[in-house]
Amino acid sequence: MSRLGRRSLSVAGGLLLQKVLPEPPDRWHPVSWFGFAMQQAEAVGYADTRATGVRHALAGGAIGGLAGGAIGSTALAVAVCAAGRELRRAARLVETPLLVGDLAAARVALPSLVGRDRSHLDASGIAAAVVESLAENLVDAVVAPAFWGLAGGARGVTVHRAINTMDAMVGHHSDRYENFGWAAARLDDGANWIPARLFVLLVMMAAPTRATAVRAAVRSDARLHPSPNAGVAEAAVAATLGRELGGPLQYGGRHEARPRLGDGPRPEAGDIAAARELTSRTEWALIVTLVLLWWADHRLGQISAGRRTAPR
């Protein structure tokens, strides 16, 4: 069996493990340890320059690579770094109070998914934020770890997770991070570029009757989004659900005129369940694809071995 075949099975196993194993408390989670280490590094080495940010990002990537080497197992690295089940759990925590009209409780739960200003969001705005987060973060937290597990084994998974975590910490527009976080943000864009496009294919597999609409929305709308990857994922989910996502939003005191993605009414509380179900089906489509890739590799190996041993 080739390396790709072995990794395909390992990644599929890791995705299944993260579905059944309990999520460790934050204080014991390796990603939390990494985040704490990078906070300390920032406190010591921060400067408002891109060069300093590049060094910070490279140091974080190196720590991620060392962690992958220590873990050793691709399946275990994926199980630790992937978070599809946790993502859907966080969405449900917002959905539950929103369904009964408790906007205050829904706003309190929302920061576990998004960083936007939630103080003035109505029920539809909260629902849209959750659906958009499910779309974007399934790329970051499921498809990308799987892709980098295939490409680089355990180290590929953990380096990606380090980059993604640094982007969440410093890779956003603000006076403090405009320069310092530039490298982390660009690395994250690059690391998720292919996974975001694979996500579109997986969504079409998970919802084949909406494949044409998904393709059209991604082609027409995704390029309007400021992120090269979030727009792709959000346009695909918007088209699948038949809802309109995007639109103006605020991060702190900063206003962003985000494009509107997809056609249809704005999301409502009930659409969060449909989005959760879509992400679950998409994740299963990925697992099935990985198993089929392993099987195809295994069969090709058998055929090749048979040809070598056949009498001449």
C-alpha atoms as a PDB file:
ATOM      1  CA  MET A   1       0.000   0.000   0.000  1.00  0.00           C
ATOM      2  CA  SER A   2       1.289   3.461  -0.853  1.00  0.00           C
ATOM      3  CA  ARG A   3       1.801   6.290   1.637  1.00  0.00           C
ATOM      4  CA  LEU A   4      -1.291   8.024   0.266  1.00  0.00           C
ATOM      5  CA  GLY A   5      -3.397   4.920   0.894  1.00  0.00           C
ATOM      6  CA  ARG A   6      -2.151   4.559   4.466  1.00  0.00           C
ATOM      7  CA  ARG A   7      -2.731   8.217   5.189  1.00  0.00           C
ATOM      8  CA  SER A   8      -6.221   8.117   3.678  1.00  0.00           C
ATOM      9  CA  LEU A   9      -7.238   5.402   6.117  1.00  0.00           C
ATOM     10  CA  SER A  10      -5.526   7.166   9.028  1.00  0.00           C
ATOM     11  CA  VAL A  11      -7.244  10.476   8.297  1.00  0.00           C
ATOM     12  CA  ALA A  12     -10.630   8.759   7.992  1.00  0.00           C
ATOM     13  CA  GLY A  13      -9.982   7.027  11.304  1.00  0.00           C
ATOM     14  CA  GLY A  14      -9.038  10.325  12.931  1.00  0.00           C
ATOM     15  CA  LEU A  15     -12.237  11.987  11.723  1.00  0.00           C
ATOM     16  CA  LEU A  16     -14.265   9.102  13.133  1.00  0.00           C
ATOM     17  CA  LEU A  17     -12.388   9.318  16.454  1.00  0.00           C
ATOM     18  CA  GLN A  18     -13.175  13.029  16.850  1.00  0.00           C
ATOM     19  CA  LYS A  19     -16.844  12.161  16.393  1.00  0.00           C
ATOM     20  CA  VAL A  20     -16.895   9.753  19.345  1.00  0.00           C
ATOM     21  CA  LEU A  21     -14.148  10.809  21.762  1.00  0.00           C
ATOM     22  CA  PRO A  22     -15.087  13.416  24.390  1.00  0.00           C
ATOM     23  CA  GLU A  23     -13.590  16.857  23.908  1.00  0.00           C
ATOM     24  CA  PRO A  24     -10.929  17.466  26.584  1.00  0.00           C
ATOM     25  CA  PRO A  25     -11.323  20.511  28.867  1.00  0.00           C
ATOM     26  CA  ASP A  26      -9.656  23.637  27.515  1.00  0.00           C
ATOM     27  CA  ARG A  27      -6.907  23.518  30.129  1.00  0.00           C
ATOM     28  CA  TRP A  28      -5.843  20.069  28.862  1.00  0.00           C
ATOM     29  CA  HIS A  29      -6.332  20.635  25.147  1.00  0.00           C
ATOM     30  CA  PRO A  30      -3.070  20.836  23.131  1.00  0.00           C
ATOM     31  CA  VAL A  31      -4.508  23.640  20.984  1.00  0.00           C
ATOM     32  CA  SER A  32      -5.096  25.683  24.144  1.00  0.00           C
ATOM     33  CA  TRP A  33      -1.506  25.022  25.228  1.00  0.00           C
ATOM     34  CA  PHE A  34      -0.304  26.242  21.846  1.00  0.00           C
ATOM     35  CA  GLY A  35      -2.451  29.355  22.112  1.00  0.00           C
ATOM     36  CA  PHE A  36      -1.020  30.130  25.551  1.00  0.00           C
ATOM     37  CA  ALA A  37       2.540  29.661  24.271  1.00  0.00           C
ATOM     38  CA  MET A  38       1.918  32.050  21.388  1.00  0.00           C
ATOM     39  CA  GLN A  39       0.377  34.622  23.736  1.00  0.00           C
ATOM     40  CA  GLN A  40       3.577  34.535  25.781  1.00  0.00           C
ATOM     41  CA  ALA A  41       5.704  34.813  22.635  1.00  0.00           C
ATOM     42  CA  GLU A  42       3.676  37.810  21.521  1.00  0.00           C
ATOM     43  CA  ALA A  43       3.989  39.469  24.916  1.00  0.00           C
ATOM     44  CA  VAL A  44       7.781  39.193  24.725  1.00  0.00           C
ATOM     45  CA  GLY A  45       8.408  39.782  21.024  1.00  0.00           C
ATOM     46  CA  TYR A  46       5.615  42.013  19.722  1.00  0.00           C
ATOM     47  CA  ALA A  47       6.453  44.898  17.415  1.00  0.00           C
ATOM     48  CA  ASP A  48       4.185  46.683  14.968  1.00  0.00           C
ATOM     49  CA  THR A  49       6.007  45.421  11.870  1.00  0.00           C
ATOM     50  CA  ARG A  50       5.396  42.720   9.297  1.00  0.00           C
ATOM     51  CA  ALA A  51       8.900  41.337   9.773  1.00  0.00           C
ATOM     52  CA  THR A  52       8.219  40.657  13.447  1.00  0.00           C
ATOM     53  CA  GLY A  53       4.929  39.050  12.511  1.00  0.00           C
ATOM     54  CA  VAL A  54       6.694  36.792  10.015  1.00  0.00           C
ATOM     55  CA  ARG A  55       9.083  35.598  12.728  1.00  0.00           C
ATOM     56  CA  HIS A  56       6.175  35.029  15.082  1.00  0.00           C
ATOM     57  CA  ALA A  57       4.291  32.986  12.462  1.00  0.00           C
ATOM     58  CA  LEU A  58       7.352  30.918  11.571  1.00  0.00           C
ATOM     59  CA  ALA A  59       7.981  30.164  15.243  1.00  0.00           C
ATOM     60  CA  GLY A  60       4.395  29.032  15.667  1.00  0.00           C
ATOM     61  CA  GLY A  61       4.619  26.828  12.589  1.00  0.00           C
ATOM     62  CA  ALA A  62       7.819  25.271  13.927  1.00  0.00           C
ATOM     63  CA  ILE A  63       6.101  24.495  17.248  1.00  0.00           C
ATOM     64  CA  GLY A  64       3.261  22.915  15.300  1.00  0.00           C
ATOM     65  CA  GLY A  65       5.708  20.750  13.373  1.00  0.00           C
ATOM     66  CA  LEU A  66       7.421  19.613  16.578  1.00  0.00           C
ATOM     67  CA  ALA A  67       4.047  18.729  18.071  1.00  0.00           C
ATOM     68  CA  GLY A  68       3.181  16.629  15.027  1.00  0.00           C
ATOM     69  CA  GLY A  69       6.471  14.790  15.311  1.00  0.00           C
ATOM     70  CA  ALA A  70       5.788  14.096  18.983  1.00  0.00           C
ATOM     71  CA  ILE A  71       2.284  12.797  18.259  1.00  0.00           C
ATOM     72  CA  GLY A  72       3.554  10.613  15.434  1.00  0.00           C
ATOM     73  CA  SER A  73       0.159   9.188  14.476  1.00  0.00           C
ATOM     74  CA  THR A  74      -1.761  10.908  11.680  1.00  0.00           C
ATOM     75  CA  ALA A  75      -5.044   9.493  12.995  1.00  0.00           C
ATOM     76  CA  LEU A  76      -4.389  10.871  16.488  1.00  0.00           C
ATOM     77  CA  ALA A  77      -3.304  14.260  15.125  1.00  0.00           C
ATOM     78  CA  VAL A  78      -6.538  14.533  13.121  1.00  0.00           C
ATOM     79  CA  ALA A  79      -8.622  13.419  16.118  1.00  0.00           C
ATOM     80  CA  VAL A  80      -7.018  16.145  18.266  1.00  0.00           C
ATOM     81  CA  CYS A  81      -7.079  18.950  15.696  1.00  0.00           C
ATOM     82  CA  ALA A  82     -10.356  18.357  13.848  1.00  0.00           C
ATOM     83  CA  ALA A  83     -13.481  19.764  15.476  1.00  0.00           C
ATOM     84  CA  GLY A  84     -16.574  19.087  13.407  1.00  0.00           C
ATOM     85  CA  ARG A  85     -18.600  17.753  16.311  1.00  0.00           C
ATOM     86  CA  GLU A  86     -17.522  20.599  18.594  1.00  0.00           C
ATOM     87  CA  LEU A  87     -18.429  23.127  15.898  1.00  0.00           C
ATOM     88  CA  ARG A  88     -21.960  21.753  15.651  1.00  0.00           C
ATOM     89  CA  ARG A  89     -22.257  21.674  19.446  1.00  0.00           C
ATOM     90  CA  ALA A  90     -21.338  25.365  19.629  1.00  0.00           C
ATOM     91  CA  ALA A  91     -23.929  26.129  16.923  1.00  0.00           C
ATOM     92  CA  ARG A  92     -26.598  24.286  18.904  1.00  0.00           C
ATOM     93  CA  LEU A  93     -25.795  26.377  21.998  1.00  0.00           C
ATOM     94  CA  VAL A  94     -26.791  29.475  20.024  1.00  0.00           C
ATOM     95  CA  GLU A  95     -29.680  27.786  18.241  1.00  0.00           C
ATOM     96  CA  THR A  96     -31.468  26.546  21.379  1.00  0.00           C
ATOM     97  CA  PRO A  97     -32.214  29.980  22.957  1.00  0.00           C
ATOM     98  CA  LEU A  98     -32.747  31.551  19.532  1.00  0.00           C
ATOM     99  CA  LEU A  99     -35.582  29.130  18.758  1.00  0.00           C
ATOM    100  CA  VAL A 100     -37.492  30.341  21.826  1.00  0.00           C
ATOM    101  CA  GLY A 101     -36.786  34.015  21.152  1.00  0.00           C
ATOM    102  CA  ASP A 102     -34.162  34.506  23.868  1.00  0.00           C
ATOM    103  CA  LEU A 103     -31.890  36.871  21.951  1.00  0.00           C
ATOM    104  CA  ALA A 104     -29.845  37.811  25.012  1.00  0.00           C
ATOM    105  CA  ALA A 105     -28.813  34.209  25.685  1.00  0.00           C
ATOM    106  CA  ALA A 106     -28.134  33.606  21.989  1.00  0.00           C
ATOM    107  CA  ARG A 107     -25.859  36.669  21.889  1.00  0.00           C
ATOM    108  CA  VAL A 108     -23.968  35.424  24.941  1.00  0.00           C
ATOM    109  CA  ALA A 109     -23.301  32.049  23.244  1.00  0.00           C
ATOM    110  CA  LEU A 110     -22.347  33.551  19.866  1.00  0.00           C
ATOM    111  CA  PRO A 111     -18.676  34.498  20.585  1.00  0.00           C
ATOM    112  CA  SER A 112     -17.726  30.813  20.653  1.00  0.00           C
ATOM    113  CA  LEU A 113     -18.355  30.869  16.891  1.00  0.00           C
ATOM    114  CA  VAL A 114     -17.764  34.409  15.584  1.00  0.00           C
ATOM    115  CA  GLY A 115     -15.884  37.551  16.540  1.00  0.00           C
ATOM    116  CA  ARG A 116     -18.268  40.135  15.107  1.00  0.00           C
ATOM    117  CA  ASP A 117     -20.115  42.718  17.184  1.00  0.00           C
ATOM    118  CA  ARG A 118     -23.267  40.944  18.350  1.00  0.00           C
ATOM    119  CA  SER A 119     -24.879  43.691  20.428  1.00  0.00           C
ATOM    120  CA  HIS A 120     -27.241  44.871  17.696  1.00  0.00           C
ATOM    121  CA  LEU A 121     -27.863  41.594  15.861  1.00  0.00           C
ATOM    122  CA  ASP A 122     -31.491  40.540  15.535  1.00  0.00           C
ATOM    123  CA  ALA A 123     -32.609  36.894  15.312  1.00  0.00           C
ATOM    124  CA  SER A 124     -31.901  36.708  11.585  1.00  0.00           C
ATOM    125  CA  GLY A 125     -28.480  38.302  12.012  1.00  0.00           C
ATOM    126  CA  ILE A 126     -27.560  35.793  14.699  1.00  0.00           C
ATOM    127  CA  ALA A 127     -28.783  32.894  12.569  1.00  0.00           C
ATOM    128  CA  ALA A 128     -26.781  34.167   9.588  1.00  0.00           C
ATOM    129  CA  ALA A 129     -23.644  34.465  11.741  1.00  0.00           C
ATOM    130  CA  VAL A 130     -24.010  30.849  12.922  1.00  0.00           C
ATOM    131  CA  VAL A 131     -24.595  29.476   9.417  1.00  0.00           C
ATOM    132  CA  GLU A 132     -21.633  31.440   8.036  1.00  0.00           C
ATOM    133  CA  SER A 133     -19.430  30.175  10.858  1.00  0.00           C
ATOM    134  CA  LEU A 134     -20.471  26.577  10.233  1.00  0.00           C
ATOM    135  CA  ALA A 135     -19.516  26.973   6.580  1.00  0.00           C
ATOM    136  CA  GLU A 136     -16.168  28.691   7.080  1.00  0.00           C
ATOM    137  CA  ASN A 137     -15.064  26.667  10.084  1.00  0.00           C
ATOM    138  CA  LEU A 138     -15.886  23.282   8.584  1.00  0.00           C
ATOM    139  CA  VAL A 139     -13.152  24.113   6.078  1.00  0.00           C
ATOM    140  CA  ASP A 140     -10.727  25.152   8.834  1.00  0.00           C
ATOM    141  CA  ALA A 141     -11.607  22.445  11.349  1.00  0.00           C
ATOM    142  CA  VAL A 142     -12.396  19.384   9.216  1.00  0.00           C
ATOM    143  CA  VAL A 143     -11.552  19.572   5.518  1.00  0.00           C
ATOM    144  CA  ALA A 144      -8.184  21.294   5.938  1.00  0.00           C
ATOM    145  CA  PRO A 145      -6.884  18.941   8.662  1.00  0.00           C
ATOM    146  CA  ALA A 146      -7.883  16.018   6.441  1.00  0.00           C
ATOM    147  CA  PHE A 147      -6.176  17.520   3.396  1.00  0.00           C
ATOM    148  CA  TRP A 148      -2.960  18.329   5.251  1.00  0.00           C
ATOM    149  CA  GLY A 149      -3.021  14.924   6.908  1.00  0.00           C
ATOM    150  CA  LEU A 150      -2.997  13.394   3.433  1.00  0.00           C
ATOM    151  CA  ALA A 151      -0.277  15.751   2.262  1.00  0.00           C
ATOM    152  CA  GLY A 152       2.020  15.754   5.281  1.00  0.00           C
ATOM    153  CA  GLY A 153       0.900  13.207   7.855  1.00  0.00           C
ATOM    154  CA  ALA A 154       0.747  14.193  11.519  1.00  0.00           C
ATOM    155  CA  ARG A 155       3.069  17.173  11.007  1.00  0.00           C
ATOM    156  CA  GLY A 156       0.890  18.465   8.189  1.00  0.00           C
ATOM    157  CA  VAL A 157      -2.136  18.393  10.478  1.00  0.00           C
ATOM    158  CA  THR A 158      -0.485  20.136  13.406  1.00  0.00           C
ATOM    159  CA  VAL A 159       1.296  22.793  11.344  1.00  0.00           C
ATOM    160  CA  HIS A 160      -2.033  23.673   9.738  1.00  0.00           C
ATOM    161  CA  ARG A 161      -3.695  23.833  13.145  1.00  0.00           C
ATOM    162  CA  ALA A 162      -0.915  26.122  14.399  1.00  0.00           C
ATOM    163  CA  ILE A 163      -1.367  28.451  11.412  1.00  0.00           C
ATOM    164  CA  ASN A 164      -5.140  28.493  11.811  1.00  0.00           C
ATOM    165  CA  THR A 165      -4.895  29.214  15.534  1.00  0.00           C
ATOM    166  CA  MET A 166      -2.443  32.059  14.968  1.00  0.00           C
ATOM    167  CA  ASP A 167      -4.772  33.536  12.364  1.00  0.00           C
ATOM    168  CA  ALA A 168      -7.636  33.468  14.874  1.00  0.00           C
ATOM    169  CA  MET A 169      -5.420  35.172  17.461  1.00  0.00           C
ATOM    170  CA  VAL A 170      -3.649  37.871  15.444  1.00  0.00           C
ATOM    171  CA  GLY A 171      -4.708  37.625  11.802  1.00  0.00           C
ATOM    172  CA  HIS A 172      -7.389  40.289  11.762  1.00  0.00           C
ATOM    173  CA  HIS A 173      -7.644  43.984  10.978  1.00  0.00           C
ATOM    174  CA  SER A 174      -6.955  46.199  13.981  1.00  0.00           C
ATOM    175  CA  ASP A 175      -4.456  48.841  15.004  1.00  0.00           C
ATOM    176  CA  ARG A 176      -2.409  46.258  16.896  1.00  0.00           C
ATOM    177  CA  TYR A 177      -2.454  43.425  14.359  1.00  0.00           C
ATOM    178  CA  GLU A 178      -2.647  45.082  10.919  1.00  0.00           C
ATOM    179  CA  ASN A 179       1.096  44.537  10.448  1.00  0.00           C
ATOM    180  CA  PHE A 180       1.976  41.972  13.106  1.00  0.00           C
ATOM    181  CA  GLY A 181      -0.826  39.604  12.051  1.00  0.00           C
ATOM    182  CA  TRP A 182      -0.286  39.956   8.300  1.00  0.00           C
ATOM    183  CA  ALA A 183       1.904  36.852   7.940  1.00  0.00           C
ATOM    184  CA  ALA A 184      -0.413  34.607   9.961  1.00  0.00           C
ATOM    185  CA  ALA A 185      -3.404  35.745   7.906  1.00  0.00           C
ATOM    186  CA  ARG A 186      -1.643  35.166   4.574  1.00  0.00           C
ATOM    187  CA  LEU A 187      -0.389  31.733   5.678  1.00  0.00           C
ATOM    188  CA  ASP A 188      -3.914  30.798   6.713  1.00  0.00           C
ATOM    189  CA  ASP A 189      -5.293  31.949   3.350  1.00  0.00           C
ATOM    190  CA  GLY A 190      -2.768  29.785   1.543  1.00  0.00           C
ATOM    191  CA  ALA A 191      -3.202  26.748   3.782  1.00  0.00           C
ATOM    192  CA  ASN A 192      -6.981  26.751   3.315  1.00  0.00           C
ATOM    193  CA  TRP A 193      -7.158  27.625  -0.394  1.00  0.00           C
ATOM    194  CA  ILE A 194      -7.353  24.052  -1.700  1.00  0.00           C
ATOM    195  CA  PRO A 195      -9.465  22.747   1.234  1.00  0.00           C
ATOM    196  CA  ALA A 196     -12.075  25.478   0.614  1.00  0.00           C
ATOM    197  CA  ARG A 197     -12.478  24.320  -2.996  1.00  0.00           C
ATOM    198  CA  LEU A 198     -12.605  20.683  -1.899  1.00  0.00           C
ATOM    199  CA  PHE A 199     -15.356  21.705   0.526  1.00  0.00           C
ATOM    200  CA  VAL A 200     -17.480  22.851  -2.421  1.00  0.00           C
ATOM    201  CA  LEU A 201     -17.138  19.440  -4.075  1.00  0.00           C
ATOM    202  CA  LEU A 202     -18.013  17.690  -0.819  1.00  0.00           C
ATOM    203  CA  VAL A 203     -21.086  19.894  -0.351  1.00  0.00           C
ATOM    204  CA  MET A 204     -22.232  18.968  -3.836  1.00  0.00           C
ATOM    205  CA  MET A 205     -21.754  15.303  -2.931  1.00  0.00           C
ATOM    206  CA  ALA A 206     -23.734  15.800   0.273  1.00  0.00           C
ATOM    207  CA  ALA A 207     -26.555  17.684  -1.501  1.00  0.00           C
ATOM    208  CA  PRO A 208     -26.485  16.520  -5.129  1.00  0.00           C
ATOM    209  CA  THR A 209     -29.838  18.080  -6.031  1.00  0.00           C
ATOM    210  CA  ARG A 210     -28.362  21.518  -5.276  1.00  0.00           C
ATOM    211  CA  ALA A 211     -25.059  20.966  -7.092  1.00  0.00           C
ATOM    212  CA  THR A 212     -25.906  23.238 -10.023  1.00  0.00           C
ATOM    213  CA  ALA A 213     -26.996  26.064  -7.725  1.00  0.00           C
ATOM    214  CA  VAL A 214     -23.856  25.639  -5.602  1.00  0.00           C
ATOM    215  CA  ARG A 215     -21.598  25.821  -8.652  1.00  0.00           C
ATOM    216  CA  ALA A 216     -23.349  28.947  -9.933  1.00  0.00           C
ATOM    217  CA  ALA A 217     -23.236  30.728  -6.550  1.00  0.00           C
ATOM    218  CA  VAL A 218     -19.559  30.000  -6.015  1.00  0.00           C
ATOM    219  CA  ARG A 219     -18.691  31.257  -9.496  1.00  0.00           C
ATOM    220  CA  SER A 220     -20.710  34.460  -9.230  1.00  0.00           C
ATOM    221  CA  ASP A 221     -20.548  35.418  -5.539  1.00  0.00           C
ATOM    222  CA  ALA A 222     -17.443  33.968  -3.867  1.00  0.00           C
ATOM    223  CA  ARG A 223     -15.010  36.357  -5.592  1.00  0.00           C
ATOM    224  CA  LEU A 224     -16.868  39.339  -4.096  1.00  0.00           C
ATOM    225  CA  HIS A 225     -15.943  38.310  -0.540  1.00  0.00           C
ATOM    226  CA  PRO A 226     -12.781  39.824   0.987  1.00  0.00           C
ATOM    227  CA  SER A 227     -11.594  36.358   2.037  1.00  0.00           C
ATOM    228  CA  PRO A 228     -10.441  34.028  -0.767  1.00  0.00           C
ATOM    229  CA  ASN A 229     -11.769  31.047   1.180  1.00  0.00           C
ATOM    230  CA  ALA A 230     -14.652  32.127   3.419  1.00  0.00           C
ATOM    231  CA  GLY A 231     -16.554  33.461   0.411  1.00  0.00           C
ATOM    232  CA  VAL A 232     -16.250  30.109  -1.351  1.00  0.00           C
ATOM    233  CA  ALA A 233     -17.546  28.151   1.649  1.00  0.00           C
ATOM    234  CA  GLU A 234     -20.334  30.593   2.516  1.00  0.00           C
ATOM    235  CA  ALA A 235     -21.560  30.849  -1.089  1.00  0.00           C
ATOM    236  CA  ALA A 236     -21.720  27.047  -1.320  1.00  0.00           C
ATOM    237  CA  VAL A 237     -23.757  26.734   1.878  1.00  0.00           C
ATOM    238  CA  ALA A 238     -26.014  29.673   0.984  1.00  0.00           C
ATOM    239  CA  ALA A 239     -26.888  28.035  -2.336  1.00  0.00           C
ATOM    240  CA  THR A 240     -27.456  24.637  -0.741  1.00  0.00           C
ATOM    241  CA  LEU A 241     -29.835  26.039   1.856  1.00  0.00           C
ATOM    242  CA  GLY A 242     -31.506  28.497  -0.519  1.00  0.00           C
ATOM    243  CA  ARG A 243     -30.706  31.402   1.792  1.00  0.00           C
ATOM    244  CA  GLU A 244     -28.865  34.699   1.479  1.00  0.00           C
ATOM    245  CA  LEU A 245     -25.757  35.083   3.623  1.00  0.00           C
ATOM    246  CA  GLY A 246     -23.244  37.902   4.003  1.00  0.00           C
ATOM    247  CA  GLY A 247     -24.138  41.562   4.102  1.00  0.00           C
ATOM    248  CA  PRO A 248     -22.903  44.430   6.322  1.00  0.00           C
ATOM    249  CA  LEU A 249     -21.435  43.635   9.738  1.00  0.00           C
ATOM    250  CA  GLN A 250     -19.336  45.167  12.486  1.00  0.00           C
ATOM    251  CA  TYR A 251     -16.160  44.082  14.254  1.00  0.00           C
ATOM    252  CA  GLY A 252     -15.886  46.298  17.315  1.00  0.00           C
ATOM    253  CA  GLY A 253     -16.123  49.822  15.986  1.00  0.00           C
ATOM    254  CA  ARG A 254     -15.170  48.841  12.438  1.00  0.00           C
ATOM    255  CA  HIS A 255     -17.920  48.486   9.829  1.00  0.00           C
ATOM    256  CA  GLU A 256     -17.516  46.071   6.906  1.00  0.00           C
ATOM    257  CA  ALA A 257     -19.740  46.175   3.826  1.00  0.00           C
ATOM    258  CA  ARG A 258     -19.621  42.434   3.111  1.00  0.00           C
ATOM    259  CA  PRO A 259     -21.236  41.233  -0.144  1.00  0.00           C
ATOM    260  CA  ARG A 260     -24.477  39.284  -0.100  1.00  0.00           C
ATOM    261  CA  LEU A 261     -24.026  35.647  -1.091  1.00  0.00           C
ATOM    262  CA  GLY A 262     -26.709  33.422  -2.612  1.00  0.00           C
ATOM    263  CA  ASP A 263     -30.342  34.058  -3.424  1.00  0.00           C
ATOM    264  CA  GLY A 264     -33.326  33.675  -1.151  1.00  0.00           C
ATOM    265  CA  PRO A 265     -34.621  34.953   2.181  1.00  0.00           C
ATOM    266  CA  ARG A 266     -32.342  35.790   5.078  1.00  0.00           C
ATOM    267  CA  PRO A 267     -31.687  32.916   7.502  1.00  0.00           C
ATOM    268  CA  GLU A 268     -33.953  32.228  10.447  1.00  0.00           C
ATOM    269  CA  ALA A 269     -33.369  30.264  13.640  1.00  0.00           C
ATOM    270  CA  GLY A 270     -34.720  27.088  12.042  1.00  0.00           C
ATOM    271  CA  ASP A 271     -32.062  27.229   9.315  1.00  0.00           C
ATOM    272  CA  ILE A 272     -29.292  26.515  11.832  1.00  0.00           C
ATOM    273  CA  ALA A 273     -30.455  22.890  12.139  1.00  0.00           C
ATOM    274  CA  ALA A 274     -30.355  22.528   8.350  1.00  0.00           C
ATOM    275  CA  ALA A 275     -26.836  23.972   8.288  1.00  0.00           C
ATOM    276  CA  ARG A 276     -25.705  21.623  11.055  1.00  0.00           C
ATOM    277  CA  GLU A 277     -27.130  18.669   9.155  1.00  0.00           C
ATOM    278  CA  LEU A 278     -25.401  19.819   5.971  1.00  0.00           C
ATOM    279  CA  THR A 279     -22.016  20.041   7.701  1.00  0.00           C
ATOM    280  CA  SER A 280     -22.520  16.565   9.157  1.00  0.00           C
ATOM    281  CA  ARG A 281     -23.363  15.095   5.736  1.00  0.00           C
ATOM    282  CA  THR A 282     -20.389  16.910   4.234  1.00  0.00           C
ATOM    283  CA  GLU A 283     -18.101  15.440   6.869  1.00  0.00           C
ATOM    284  CA  TRP A 284     -19.441  11.947   6.136  1.00  0.00           C
ATOM    285  CA  ALA A 285     -18.907  12.558   2.414  1.00  0.00           C
ATOM    286  CA  LEU A 286     -15.273  13.336   3.225  1.00  0.00           C
ATOM    287  CA  ILE A 287     -14.871  10.174   5.315  1.00  0.00           C
ATOM    288  CA  VAL A 288     -16.413   8.011   2.590  1.00  0.00           C
ATOM    289  CA  THR A 289     -14.162   9.639  -0.023  1.00  0.00           C
ATOM    290  CA  LEU A 290     -11.084   8.895   2.082  1.00  0.00           C
ATOM    291  CA  VAL A 291     -12.098   5.248   2.544  1.00  0.00           C
ATOM    292  CA  LEU A 292     -12.708   4.903  -1.202  1.00  0.00           C
ATOM    293  CA  LEU A 293      -9.294   6.423  -1.867  1.00  0.00           C
ATOM    294  CA  TRP A 294      -7.735   3.856   0.461  1.00  0.00           C
ATOM    295  CA  TRP A 295      -9.678   1.029  -1.205  1.00  0.00           C
ATOM    296  CA  ALA A 296      -8.660   2.154  -4.702  1.00  0.00           C
ATOM    297  CA  ASP A 297      -5.021   2.353  -3.626  1.00  0.00           C
ATOM    298  CA  HIS A 298      -5.273  -1.096  -2.023  1.00  0.00           C
ATOM    299  CA  ARG A 299      -6.811  -2.614  -5.165  1.00  0.00           C
ATOM    300  CA  LEU A 300      -4.201  -1.026  -7.418  1.00  0.00           C
ATOM    301  CA  GLY A 301      -1.520  -2.483  -5.164  1.00  0.00           C
ATOM    302  CA  GLN A 302      -3.078  -5.941  -5.430  1.00  0.00           C
ATOM    303  CA  ILE A 303      -3.325  -5.699  -9.217  1.00  0.00           C
ATOM    304  CA  SER A 304       0.264  -4.516  -9.474  1.00  0.00           C
ATOM    305  CA  ALA A 305       1.484  -7.323  -7.210  1.00  0.00           C
ATOM    306  CA  GLY A 306      -0.486  -9.859  -9.224  1.00  0.00           C
ATOM    307  CA  ARG A 307       1.124  -8.713 -12.436  1.00  0.00           C
ATOM    308  CA  ARG A 308       4.597  -8.993 -10.931  1.00  0.00           C
ATOM    309  CA  THR A 309       4.024 -12.544  -9.699  1.00  0.00           C
ATOM    310  CA  ALA A 310       2.101 -13.854 -12.720  1.00  0.00           C
ATOM    311  CA  PRO A 311       3.982 -16.546 -14.717  1.00  0.00           C
ATOM    312  CA  ARG A 312       5.448 -15.331 -17.975  1.00  0.00           C
END
